[in-house]
Amino acid sequence: MSMDMNREQKRQMKRMGTLNEQGNPTRGQARTKATRGHDEARTTPPQYLREVRAEMRKVAWPSWPEVRKYSIVVLVTVAVVAALIFGLDSGFGKLSSWLYG
């Protein structure tokens, strides 16, 4: 690893824990508590599901008329794009068969 790094690169390497405060590589050295990661306990599945449910209650869900309207818009758009692609494919197919016999 080349040590010709600018100040920002050195700062980032220190944050990642690959350089110590003097700018030397930490390979083989014990990492500090801050660079090892969080010492928090893992979330249990029931706690995770409770948090998911709480977050889902905060979501602004669309009403049924909005869902129907948006679904119709999506279906019409897909149909128009499919027809456009079909038309272009057919046109270019006829053009190439006319050009190449």
PDB file of N, CA and C in Angstrom:
ATOM      1  N   MET A   1       0.839  -1.166   0.000  1.00  0.00           N
ATOM      2  CA  MET A   1       0.000   0.000   0.000  1.00  0.00           C
ATOM      3  C   MET A   1       0.887   1.232   0.000  1.00  0.00           C
ATOM      4  N   SER A   2       0.677   2.095  -0.942  1.00  0.00           N
ATOM      5  CA  SER A   2       1.464   3.313  -1.036  1.00  0.00           C
ATOM      6  C   SER A   2       0.981   4.317   0.002  1.00  0.00           C
ATOM      7  N   MET A   3       1.911   4.977   0.667  1.00  0.00           N
ATOM      8  CA  MET A   3       1.547   5.943   1.693  1.00  0.00           C
ATOM      9  C   MET A   3       1.482   7.357   1.123  1.00  0.00           C
ATOM     10  N   ASP A   4       1.463   7.506  -0.210  1.00  0.00           N
ATOM     11  CA  ASP A   4       1.332   8.814  -0.841  1.00  0.00           C
ATOM     12  C   ASP A   4      -0.149   9.139  -0.966  1.00  0.00           C
ATOM     13  N   MET A   5      -0.759   9.464   0.169  1.00  0.00           N
ATOM     14  CA  MET A   5      -2.186   9.756   0.186  1.00  0.00           C
ATOM     15  C   MET A   5      -2.395  11.207   0.583  1.00  0.00           C
ATOM     16  N   ASN A   6      -3.480  11.784   0.097  1.00  0.00           N
ATOM     17  CA  ASN A   6      -3.782  13.137   0.527  1.00  0.00           C
ATOM     18  C   ASN A   6      -4.470  13.102   1.891  1.00  0.00           C
ATOM     19  N   ARG A   7      -4.722  14.274   2.429  1.00  0.00           N
ATOM     20  CA  ARG A   7      -5.257  14.390   3.780  1.00  0.00           C
ATOM     21  C   ARG A   7      -6.629  13.715   3.912  1.00  0.00           C
ATOM     22  N   GLU A   8      -7.472  13.873   2.893  1.00  0.00           N
ATOM     23  CA  GLU A   8      -8.807  13.281   2.950  1.00  0.00           C
ATOM     24  C   GLU A   8      -8.745  11.755   2.930  1.00  0.00           C
ATOM     25  N   GLN A   9      -7.851  11.208   2.118  1.00  0.00           N
ATOM     26  CA  GLN A   9      -7.698   9.754   2.068  1.00  0.00           C
ATOM     27  C   GLN A   9      -7.201   9.214   3.398  1.00  0.00           C
ATOM     28  N   LYS A  10      -6.241   9.929   4.019  1.00  0.00           N
ATOM     29  CA  LYS A  10      -5.735   9.488   5.322  1.00  0.00           C
ATOM     30  C   LYS A  10      -6.835   9.539   6.376  1.00  0.00           C
ATOM     31  N   ARG A  11      -7.639  10.603   6.339  1.00  0.00           N
ATOM     32  CA  ARG A  11      -8.736  10.733   7.295  1.00  0.00           C
ATOM     33  C   ARG A  11      -9.728   9.577   7.137  1.00  0.00           C
ATOM     34  N   GLN A  12     -10.034   9.219   5.890  1.00  0.00           N
ATOM     35  CA  GLN A  12     -10.956   8.109   5.637  1.00  0.00           C
ATOM     36  C   GLN A  12     -10.359   6.786   6.107  1.00  0.00           C
ATOM     37  N   MET A  13      -9.071   6.589   5.873  1.00  0.00           N
ATOM     38  CA  MET A  13      -8.412   5.350   6.304  1.00  0.00           C
ATOM     39  C   MET A  13      -8.403   5.251   7.827  1.00  0.00           C
ATOM     40  N   LYS A  14      -8.226   6.379   8.520  1.00  0.00           N
ATOM     41  CA  LYS A  14      -8.273   6.364   9.982  1.00  0.00           C
ATOM     42  C   LYS A  14      -9.667   5.990  10.461  1.00  0.00           C
ATOM     43  N   ARG A  15     -10.707   6.541   9.791  1.00  0.00           N
ATOM     44  CA  ARG A  15     -12.080   6.200  10.166  1.00  0.00           C
ATOM     45  C   ARG A  15     -12.360   4.717   9.978  1.00  0.00           C
ATOM     46  N   MET A  16     -11.794   4.133   8.923  1.00  0.00           N
ATOM     47  CA  MET A  16     -12.010   2.712   8.661  1.00  0.00           C
ATOM     48  C   MET A  16     -11.192   1.838   9.593  1.00  0.00           C
ATOM     49  N   GLY A  17     -10.196   2.429  10.253  1.00  0.00           N
ATOM     50  CA  GLY A  17      -9.384   1.667  11.181  1.00  0.00           C
ATOM     51  C   GLY A  17      -8.167   1.019  10.559  1.00  0.00           C
ATOM     52  N   THR A  18      -7.832   1.398   9.321  1.00  0.00           N
ATOM     53  CA  THR A  18      -6.659   0.804   8.685  1.00  0.00           C
ATOM     54  C   THR A  18      -5.399   1.627   8.908  1.00  0.00           C
ATOM     55  N   LEU A  19      -5.536   2.856   9.452  1.00  0.00           N
ATOM     56  CA  LEU A  19      -4.387   3.679   9.824  1.00  0.00           C
ATOM     57  C   LEU A  19      -4.553   4.108  11.273  1.00  0.00           C
ATOM     58  N   ASN A  20      -3.434   4.193  11.999  1.00  0.00           N
ATOM     59  CA  ASN A  20      -3.517   4.699  13.369  1.00  0.00           C
ATOM     60  C   ASN A  20      -3.370   6.219  13.353  1.00  0.00           C
ATOM     61  N   GLU A  21      -3.319   6.844  14.523  1.00  0.00           N
ATOM     62  CA  GLU A  21      -3.261   8.305  14.608  1.00  0.00           C
ATOM     63  C   GLU A  21      -1.981   8.885  14.011  1.00  0.00           C
ATOM     64  N   GLN A  22      -0.900   8.110  13.992  1.00  0.00           N
ATOM     65  CA  GLN A  22       0.353   8.586  13.408  1.00  0.00           C
ATOM     66  C   GLN A  22       0.382   8.392  11.891  1.00  0.00           C
ATOM     67  N   GLY A  23      -0.627   7.752  11.330  1.00  0.00           N
ATOM     68  CA  GLY A  23      -0.680   7.518   9.896  1.00  0.00           C
ATOM     69  C   GLY A  23      -0.016   6.235   9.463  1.00  0.00           C
ATOM     70  N   ASN A  24       0.295   5.356  10.413  1.00  0.00           N
ATOM     71  CA  ASN A  24       0.916   4.075  10.086  1.00  0.00           C
ATOM     72  C   ASN A  24      -0.157   3.003   9.932  1.00  0.00           C
ATOM     73  N   PRO A  25       0.090   2.011   9.078  1.00  0.00           N
ATOM     74  CA  PRO A  25      -0.900   0.941   8.909  1.00  0.00           C
ATOM     75  C   PRO A  25      -1.135   0.189  10.215  1.00  0.00           C
ATOM     76  N   THR A  26      -2.378  -0.231  10.445  1.00  0.00           N
ATOM     77  CA  THR A  26      -2.724  -0.943  11.676  1.00  0.00           C
ATOM     78  C   THR A  26      -2.675  -2.446  11.489  1.00  0.00           C
ATOM     79  N   ARG A  27      -2.152  -2.908  10.379  1.00  0.00           N
ATOM     80  CA  ARG A  27      -2.092  -4.341  10.121  1.00  0.00           C
ATOM     81  C   ARG A  27      -1.352  -5.027  11.261  1.00  0.00           C
ATOM     82  N   GLY A  28      -1.994  -5.976  11.899  1.00  0.00           N
ATOM     83  CA  GLY A  28      -1.375  -6.712  12.986  1.00  0.00           C
ATOM     84  C   GLY A  28      -1.582  -6.069  14.338  1.00  0.00           C
ATOM     85  N   GLN A  29      -2.122  -4.850  14.389  1.00  0.00           N
ATOM     86  CA  GLN A  29      -2.370  -4.189  15.663  1.00  0.00           C
ATOM     87  C   GLN A  29      -3.816  -4.421  16.078  1.00  0.00           C
ATOM     88  N   ALA A  30      -4.060  -4.379  17.374  1.00  0.00           N
ATOM     89  CA  ALA A  30      -5.427  -4.523  17.870  1.00  0.00           C
ATOM     90  C   ALA A  30      -6.193  -3.247  17.557  1.00  0.00           C
ATOM     91  N   ARG A  31      -7.405  -3.388  17.108  1.00  0.00           N
ATOM     92  CA  ARG A  31      -8.223  -2.227  16.790  1.00  0.00           C
ATOM     93  C   ARG A  31      -8.860  -1.666  18.046  1.00  0.00           C
ATOM     94  N   THR A  32      -9.143  -0.390  17.996  1.00  0.00           N
ATOM     95  CA  THR A  32      -9.780   0.248  19.143  1.00  0.00           C
ATOM     96  C   THR A  32     -11.248  -0.132  19.183  1.00  0.00           C
ATOM     97  N   LYS A  33     -11.888   0.165  20.308  1.00  0.00           N
ATOM     98  CA  LYS A  33     -13.296  -0.177  20.470  1.00  0.00           C
ATOM     99  C   LYS A  33     -14.163   0.544  19.438  1.00  0.00           C
ATOM    100  N   ALA A  34     -13.791   1.770  19.075  1.00  0.00           N
ATOM    101  CA  ALA A  34     -14.584   2.541  18.123  1.00  0.00           C
ATOM    102  C   ALA A  34     -14.554   1.929  16.729  1.00  0.00           C
ATOM    103  N   THR A  35     -13.474   1.271  16.354  1.00  0.00           N
ATOM    104  CA  THR A  35     -13.381   0.712  15.012  1.00  0.00           C
ATOM    105  C   THR A  35     -13.864  -0.726  14.943  1.00  0.00           C
ATOM    106  N   ARG A  36     -14.157  -1.349  16.080  1.00  0.00           N
ATOM    107  CA  ARG A  36     -14.609  -2.738  16.074  1.00  0.00           C
ATOM    108  C   ARG A  36     -16.078  -2.871  15.720  1.00  0.00           C
ATOM    109  N   GLY A  37     -16.869  -1.867  15.962  1.00  0.00           N
ATOM    110  CA  GLY A  37     -18.288  -1.968  15.677  1.00  0.00           C
ATOM    111  C   GLY A  37     -19.097  -1.700  16.926  1.00  0.00           C
ATOM    112  N   HIS A  38     -20.380  -1.849  16.808  1.00  0.00           N
ATOM    113  CA  HIS A  38     -21.284  -1.569  17.918  1.00  0.00           C
ATOM    114  C   HIS A  38     -21.330  -2.738  18.889  1.00  0.00           C
ATOM    115  N   ASP A  39     -21.435  -2.413  20.160  1.00  0.00           N
ATOM    116  CA  ASP A  39     -21.571  -3.446  21.182  1.00  0.00           C
ATOM    117  C   ASP A  39     -23.025  -3.613  21.602  1.00  0.00           C
ATOM    118  N   GLU A  40     -23.952  -3.156  20.754  1.00  0.00           N
ATOM    119  CA  GLU A  40     -25.365  -3.275  21.069  1.00  0.00           C
ATOM    120  C   GLU A  40     -25.813  -4.725  20.907  1.00  0.00           C
ATOM    121  N   ALA A  41     -26.819  -5.091  21.694  1.00  0.00           N
ATOM    122  CA  ALA A  41     -27.377  -6.436  21.570  1.00  0.00           C
ATOM    123  C   ALA A  41     -28.183  -6.519  20.279  1.00  0.00           C
ATOM    124  N   ARG A  42     -28.222  -7.683  19.708  1.00  0.00           N
ATOM    125  CA  ARG A  42     -28.989  -7.881  18.482  1.00  0.00           C
ATOM    126  C   ARG A  42     -30.473  -7.814  18.780  1.00  0.00           C
ATOM    127  N   THR A  43     -31.235  -7.383  17.807  1.00  0.00           N
ATOM    128  CA  THR A  43     -32.679  -7.311  17.952  1.00  0.00           C
ATOM    129  C   THR A  43     -33.264  -8.699  17.764  1.00  0.00           C
ATOM    130  N   THR A  44     -34.176  -9.070  18.640  1.00  0.00           N
ATOM    131  CA  THR A  44     -34.825 -10.377  18.526  1.00  0.00           C
ATOM    132  C   THR A  44     -35.900 -10.309  17.446  1.00  0.00           C
ATOM    133  N   PRO A  45     -36.284 -11.447  16.867  1.00  0.00           N
ATOM    134  CA  PRO A  45     -37.336 -11.425  15.846  1.00  0.00           C
ATOM    135  C   PRO A  45     -38.652 -10.794  16.319  1.00  0.00           C
ATOM    136  N   PRO A  46     -39.149 -11.099  17.537  1.00  0.00           N
ATOM    137  CA  PRO A  46     -40.386 -10.425  17.962  1.00  0.00           C
ATOM    138  C   PRO A  46     -40.226  -8.902  18.063  1.00  0.00           C
ATOM    139  N   GLN A  47     -39.073  -8.447  18.550  1.00  0.00           N
ATOM    140  CA  GLN A  47     -38.832  -6.998  18.640  1.00  0.00           C
ATOM    141  C   GLN A  47     -38.782  -6.391  17.242  1.00  0.00           C
ATOM    142  N   TYR A  48     -38.141  -7.080  16.321  1.00  0.00           N
ATOM    143  CA  TYR A  48     -38.063  -6.609  14.939  1.00  0.00           C
ATOM    144  C   TYR A  48     -39.462  -6.473  14.343  1.00  0.00           C
ATOM    145  N   LEU A  49     -40.313  -7.484  14.546  1.00  0.00           N
ATOM    146  CA  LEU A  49     -41.671  -7.434  14.002  1.00  0.00           C
ATOM    147  C   LEU A  49     -42.485  -6.313  14.631  1.00  0.00           C
ATOM    148  N   ARG A  50     -42.295  -6.059  15.943  1.00  0.00           N
ATOM    149  CA  ARG A  50     -42.991  -4.941  16.585  1.00  0.00           C
ATOM    150  C   ARG A  50     -42.568  -3.612  15.963  1.00  0.00           C
ATOM    151  N   GLU A  51     -41.266  -3.470  15.704  1.00  0.00           N
ATOM    152  CA  GLU A  51     -40.775  -2.237  15.097  1.00  0.00           C
ATOM    153  C   GLU A  51     -41.282  -2.076  13.669  1.00  0.00           C
ATOM    154  N   VAL A  52     -41.348  -3.183  12.930  1.00  0.00           N
ATOM    155  CA  VAL A  52     -41.874  -3.125  11.563  1.00  0.00           C
ATOM    156  C   VAL A  52     -43.329  -2.694  11.590  1.00  0.00           C
ATOM    157  N   ARG A  53     -44.118  -3.280  12.483  1.00  0.00           N
ATOM    158  CA  ARG A  53     -45.533  -2.925  12.585  1.00  0.00           C
ATOM    159  C   ARG A  53     -45.687  -1.445  12.942  1.00  0.00           C
ATOM    160  N   ALA A  54     -44.869  -0.957  13.870  1.00  0.00           N
ATOM    161  CA  ALA A  54     -44.945   0.452  14.264  1.00  0.00           C
ATOM    162  C   ALA A  54     -44.597   1.369  13.087  1.00  0.00           C
ATOM    163  N   GLU A  55     -43.593   0.997  12.307  1.00  0.00           N
ATOM    164  CA  GLU A  55     -43.219   1.816  11.155  1.00  0.00           C
ATOM    165  C   GLU A  55     -44.286   1.762  10.066  1.00  0.00           C
ATOM    166  N   MET A  56     -44.905   0.595   9.879  1.00  0.00           N
ATOM    167  CA  MET A  56     -45.934   0.470   8.850  1.00  0.00           C
ATOM    168  C   MET A  56     -47.168   1.295   9.200  1.00  0.00           C
ATOM    169  N   ARG A  57     -47.423   1.523  10.483  1.00  0.00           N
ATOM    170  CA  ARG A  57     -48.550   2.371  10.879  1.00  0.00           C
ATOM    171  C   ARG A  57     -48.308   3.824  10.495  1.00  0.00           C
ATOM    172  N   LYS A  58     -47.054   4.214  10.374  1.00  0.00           N
ATOM    173  CA  LYS A  58     -46.716   5.595  10.035  1.00  0.00           C
ATOM    174  C   LYS A  58     -46.851   5.887   8.542  1.00  0.00           C
ATOM    175  N   VAL A  59     -46.967   4.845   7.721  1.00  0.00           N
ATOM    176  CA  VAL A  59     -47.011   5.016   6.273  1.00  0.00           C
ATOM    177  C   VAL A  59     -48.339   5.641   5.862  1.00  0.00           C
ATOM    178  N   ALA A  60     -48.284   6.594   4.938  1.00  0.00           N
ATOM    179  CA  ALA A  60     -49.498   7.200   4.383  1.00  0.00           C
ATOM    180  C   ALA A  60     -49.963   6.321   3.223  1.00  0.00           C
ATOM    181  N   TRP A  61     -50.904   5.423   3.502  1.00  0.00           N
ATOM    182  CA  TRP A  61     -51.381   4.486   2.497  1.00  0.00           C
ATOM    183  C   TRP A  61     -52.365   5.172   1.563  1.00  0.00           C
ATOM    184  N   PRO A  62     -52.356   4.831   0.260  1.00  0.00           N
ATOM    185  CA  PRO A  62     -53.332   5.432  -0.666  1.00  0.00           C
ATOM    186  C   PRO A  62     -54.717   4.837  -0.446  1.00  0.00           C
ATOM    187  N   SER A  63     -55.730   5.615  -0.822  1.00  0.00           N
ATOM    188  CA  SER A  63     -57.108   5.115  -0.719  1.00  0.00           C
ATOM    189  C   SER A  63     -57.374   4.179  -1.901  1.00  0.00           C
ATOM    190  N   TRP A  64     -58.497   3.423  -1.815  1.00  0.00           N
ATOM    191  CA  TRP A  64     -58.810   2.484  -2.895  1.00  0.00           C
ATOM    192  C   TRP A  64     -59.047   3.188  -4.226  1.00  0.00           C
ATOM    193  N   PRO A  65     -59.741   4.330  -4.259  1.00  0.00           N
ATOM    194  CA  PRO A  65     -59.872   5.015  -5.559  1.00  0.00           C
ATOM    195  C   PRO A  65     -58.517   5.421  -6.155  1.00  0.00           C
ATOM    196  N   GLU A  66     -57.574   5.839  -5.301  1.00  0.00           N
ATOM    197  CA  GLU A  66     -56.242   6.183  -5.800  1.00  0.00           C
ATOM    198  C   GLU A  66     -55.526   4.957  -6.345  1.00  0.00           C
ATOM    199  N   VAL A  67     -55.657   3.827  -5.649  1.00  0.00           N
ATOM    200  CA  VAL A  67     -55.014   2.591  -6.115  1.00  0.00           C
ATOM    201  C   VAL A  67     -55.574   2.187  -7.468  1.00  0.00           C
ATOM    202  N   ARG A  68     -56.901   2.250  -7.615  1.00  0.00           N
ATOM    203  CA  ARG A  68     -57.523   1.900  -8.901  1.00  0.00           C
ATOM    204  C   ARG A  68     -57.048   2.840 -10.004  1.00  0.00           C
ATOM    205  N   LYS A  69     -57.035   4.143  -9.707  1.00  0.00           N
ATOM    206  CA  LYS A  69     -56.629   5.128 -10.710  1.00  0.00           C
ATOM    207  C   LYS A  69     -55.184   4.899 -11.144  1.00  0.00           C
ATOM    208  N   TYR A  70     -54.291   4.711 -10.189  1.00  0.00           N
ATOM    209  CA  TYR A  70     -52.881   4.496 -10.522  1.00  0.00           C
ATOM    210  C   TYR A  70     -52.680   3.176 -11.257  1.00  0.00           C
ATOM    211  N   SER A  71     -53.441   2.151 -10.894  1.00  0.00           N
ATOM    212  CA  SER A  71     -53.332   0.860 -11.582  1.00  0.00           C
ATOM    213  C   SER A  71     -53.765   0.988 -13.031  1.00  0.00           C
ATOM    214  N   ILE A  72     -54.845   1.730 -13.266  1.00  0.00           N
ATOM    215  CA  ILE A  72     -55.316   1.930 -14.641  1.00  0.00           C
ATOM    216  C   ILE A  72     -54.275   2.705 -15.446  1.00  0.00           C
ATOM    217  N   VAL A  73     -53.692   3.727 -14.843  1.00  0.00           N
ATOM    218  CA  VAL A  73     -52.656   4.506 -15.536  1.00  0.00           C
ATOM    219  C   VAL A  73     -51.481   3.609 -15.914  1.00  0.00           C
ATOM    220  N   VAL A  74     -51.058   2.747 -15.007  1.00  0.00           N
ATOM    221  CA  VAL A  74     -49.933   1.848 -15.282  1.00  0.00           C
ATOM    222  C   VAL A  74     -50.286   0.874 -16.398  1.00  0.00           C
ATOM    223  N   LEU A  75     -51.471   0.271 -16.342  1.00  0.00           N
ATOM    224  CA  LEU A  75     -51.867  -0.694 -17.371  1.00  0.00           C
ATOM    225  C   LEU A  75     -51.979  -0.038 -18.742  1.00  0.00           C
ATOM    226  N   VAL A  76     -52.547   1.161 -18.810  1.00  0.00           N
ATOM    227  CA  VAL A  76     -52.658   1.863 -20.091  1.00  0.00           C
ATOM    228  C   VAL A  76     -51.267   2.207 -20.626  1.00  0.00           C
ATOM    229  N   THR A  77     -50.387   2.665 -19.760  1.00  0.00           N
ATOM    230  CA  THR A  77     -49.026   3.000 -20.186  1.00  0.00           C
ATOM    231  C   THR A  77     -48.297   1.770 -20.712  1.00  0.00           C
ATOM    232  N   VAL A  78     -48.434   0.644 -20.029  1.00  0.00           N
ATOM    233  CA  VAL A  78     -47.796  -0.595 -20.485  1.00  0.00           C
ATOM    234  C   VAL A  78     -48.357  -1.013 -21.838  1.00  0.00           C
ATOM    235  N   ALA A  79     -49.671  -0.893 -22.023  1.00  0.00           N
ATOM    236  CA  ALA A  79     -50.285  -1.269 -23.300  1.00  0.00           C
ATOM    237  C   ALA A  79     -49.786  -0.364 -24.429  1.00  0.00           C
ATOM    238  N   VAL A  80     -49.689   0.934 -24.173  1.00  0.00           N
ATOM    239  CA  VAL A  80     -49.224   1.867 -25.205  1.00  0.00           C
ATOM    240  C   VAL A  80     -47.768   1.582 -25.573  1.00  0.00           C
ATOM    241  N   VAL A  81     -46.926   1.365 -24.585  1.00  0.00           N
ATOM    242  CA  VAL A  81     -45.513   1.087 -24.864  1.00  0.00           C
ATOM    243  C   VAL A  81     -45.373  -0.249 -25.595  1.00  0.00           C
ATOM    244  N   ALA A  82     -46.153  -1.255 -25.202  1.00  0.00           N
ATOM    245  CA  ALA A  82     -46.098  -2.552 -25.892  1.00  0.00           C
ATOM    246  C   ALA A  82     -46.535  -2.403 -27.344  1.00  0.00           C
ATOM    247  N   ALA A  83     -47.598  -1.628 -27.595  1.00  0.00           N
ATOM    248  CA  ALA A  83     -48.057  -1.411 -28.968  1.00  0.00           C
ATOM    249  C   ALA A  83     -47.006  -0.655 -29.776  1.00  0.00           C
ATOM    250  N   LEU A  84     -46.361   0.319 -29.159  1.00  0.00           N
ATOM    251  CA  LEU A  84     -45.313   1.076 -29.843  1.00  0.00           C
ATOM    252  C   LEU A  84     -44.144   0.167 -30.216  1.00  0.00           C
ATOM    253  N   ILE A  85     -43.719  -0.664 -29.295  1.00  0.00           N
ATOM    254  CA  ILE A  85     -42.610  -1.585 -29.578  1.00  0.00           C
ATOM    255  C   ILE A  85     -43.010  -2.595 -30.648  1.00  0.00           C
ATOM    256  N   PHE A  86     -44.241  -3.103 -30.578  1.00  0.00           N
ATOM    257  CA  PHE A  86     -44.723  -4.039 -31.597  1.00  0.00           C
ATOM    258  C   PHE A  86     -44.729  -3.376 -32.970  1.00  0.00           C
ATOM    259  N   GLY A  87     -45.211  -2.127 -33.025  1.00  0.00           N
ATOM    260  CA  GLY A  87     -45.249  -1.408 -34.297  1.00  0.00           C
ATOM    261  C   GLY A  87     -43.857  -1.169 -34.859  1.00  0.00           C
ATOM    262  N   LEU A  88     -42.944  -0.746 -34.012  1.00  0.00           N
ATOM    263  CA  LEU A  88     -41.571  -0.526 -34.475  1.00  0.00           C
ATOM    264  C   LEU A  88     -40.929  -1.827 -34.945  1.00  0.00           C
ATOM    265  N   ASP A  89     -41.153  -2.909 -34.209  1.00  0.00           N
ATOM    266  CA  ASP A  89     -40.584  -4.201 -34.584  1.00  0.00           C
ATOM    267  C   ASP A  89     -41.143  -4.662 -35.928  1.00  0.00           C
ATOM    268  N   SER A  90     -42.448  -4.535 -36.095  1.00  0.00           N
ATOM    269  CA  SER A  90     -43.063  -4.943 -37.371  1.00  0.00           C
ATOM    270  C   SER A  90     -42.560  -4.074 -38.514  1.00  0.00           C
ATOM    271  N   GLY A  91     -42.492  -2.767 -38.273  1.00  0.00           N
ATOM    272  CA  GLY A  91     -42.029  -1.852 -39.323  1.00  0.00           C
ATOM    273  C   GLY A  91     -40.597  -2.123 -39.729  1.00  0.00           C
ATOM    274  N   PHE A  92     -39.717  -2.281 -38.759  1.00  0.00           N
ATOM    275  CA  PHE A  92     -38.323  -2.568 -39.090  1.00  0.00           C
ATOM    276  C   PHE A  92     -38.175  -3.950 -39.718  1.00  0.00           C
ATOM    277  N   GLY A  93     -39.018  -4.900 -39.324  1.00  0.00           N
ATOM    278  CA  GLY A  93     -38.979  -6.224 -39.945  1.00  0.00           C
ATOM    279  C   GLY A  93     -39.356  -6.156 -41.411  1.00  0.00           C
ATOM    280  N   LYS A  94     -40.429  -5.408 -41.716  1.00  0.00           N
ATOM    281  CA  LYS A  94     -40.840  -5.256 -43.122  1.00  0.00           C
ATOM    282  C   LYS A  94     -39.792  -4.473 -43.917  1.00  0.00           C
ATOM    283  N   LEU A  95     -39.205  -3.457 -43.284  1.00  0.00           N
ATOM    284  CA  LEU A  95     -38.174  -2.668 -43.959  1.00  0.00           C
ATOM    285  C   LEU A  95     -36.956  -3.529 -44.278  1.00  0.00           C
ATOM    286  N   SER A  96     -36.519  -4.350 -43.325  1.00  0.00           N
ATOM    287  CA  SER A  96     -35.344  -5.187 -43.576  1.00  0.00           C
ATOM    288  C   SER A  96     -35.650  -6.278 -44.597  1.00  0.00           C
ATOM    289  N   SER A  97     -36.870  -6.823 -44.593  1.00  0.00           N
ATOM    290  CA  SER A  97     -37.191  -7.839 -45.610  1.00  0.00           C
ATOM    291  C   SER A  97     -37.310  -7.198 -46.993  1.00  0.00           C
ATOM    292  N   TRP A  98     -37.761  -5.942 -47.072  1.00  0.00           N
ATOM    293  CA  TRP A  98     -37.823  -5.241 -48.353  1.00  0.00           C
ATOM    294  C   TRP A  98     -36.411  -4.918 -48.849  1.00  0.00           C
ATOM    295  N   LEU A  99     -35.508  -4.495 -47.910  1.00  0.00           N
ATOM    296  CA  LEU A  99     -34.146  -4.149 -48.314  1.00  0.00           C
ATOM    297  C   LEU A  99     -33.332  -5.372 -48.725  1.00  0.00           C
ATOM    298  N   TYR A 100     -33.458  -6.454 -47.966  1.00  0.00           N
ATOM    299  CA  TYR A 100     -32.611  -7.626 -48.192  1.00  0.00           C
ATOM    300  C   TYR A 100     -33.318  -8.745 -48.941  1.00  0.00           C
ATOM    301  N   GLY A 101     -34.535  -8.492 -49.389  1.00  0.00           N
ATOM    302  CA  GLY A 101     -35.228  -9.431 -50.251  1.00  0.00           C
ATOM    303  C   GLY A 101     -35.780 -10.565 -49.547  1.00  0.00           C
TER     304      GLY A 101
END
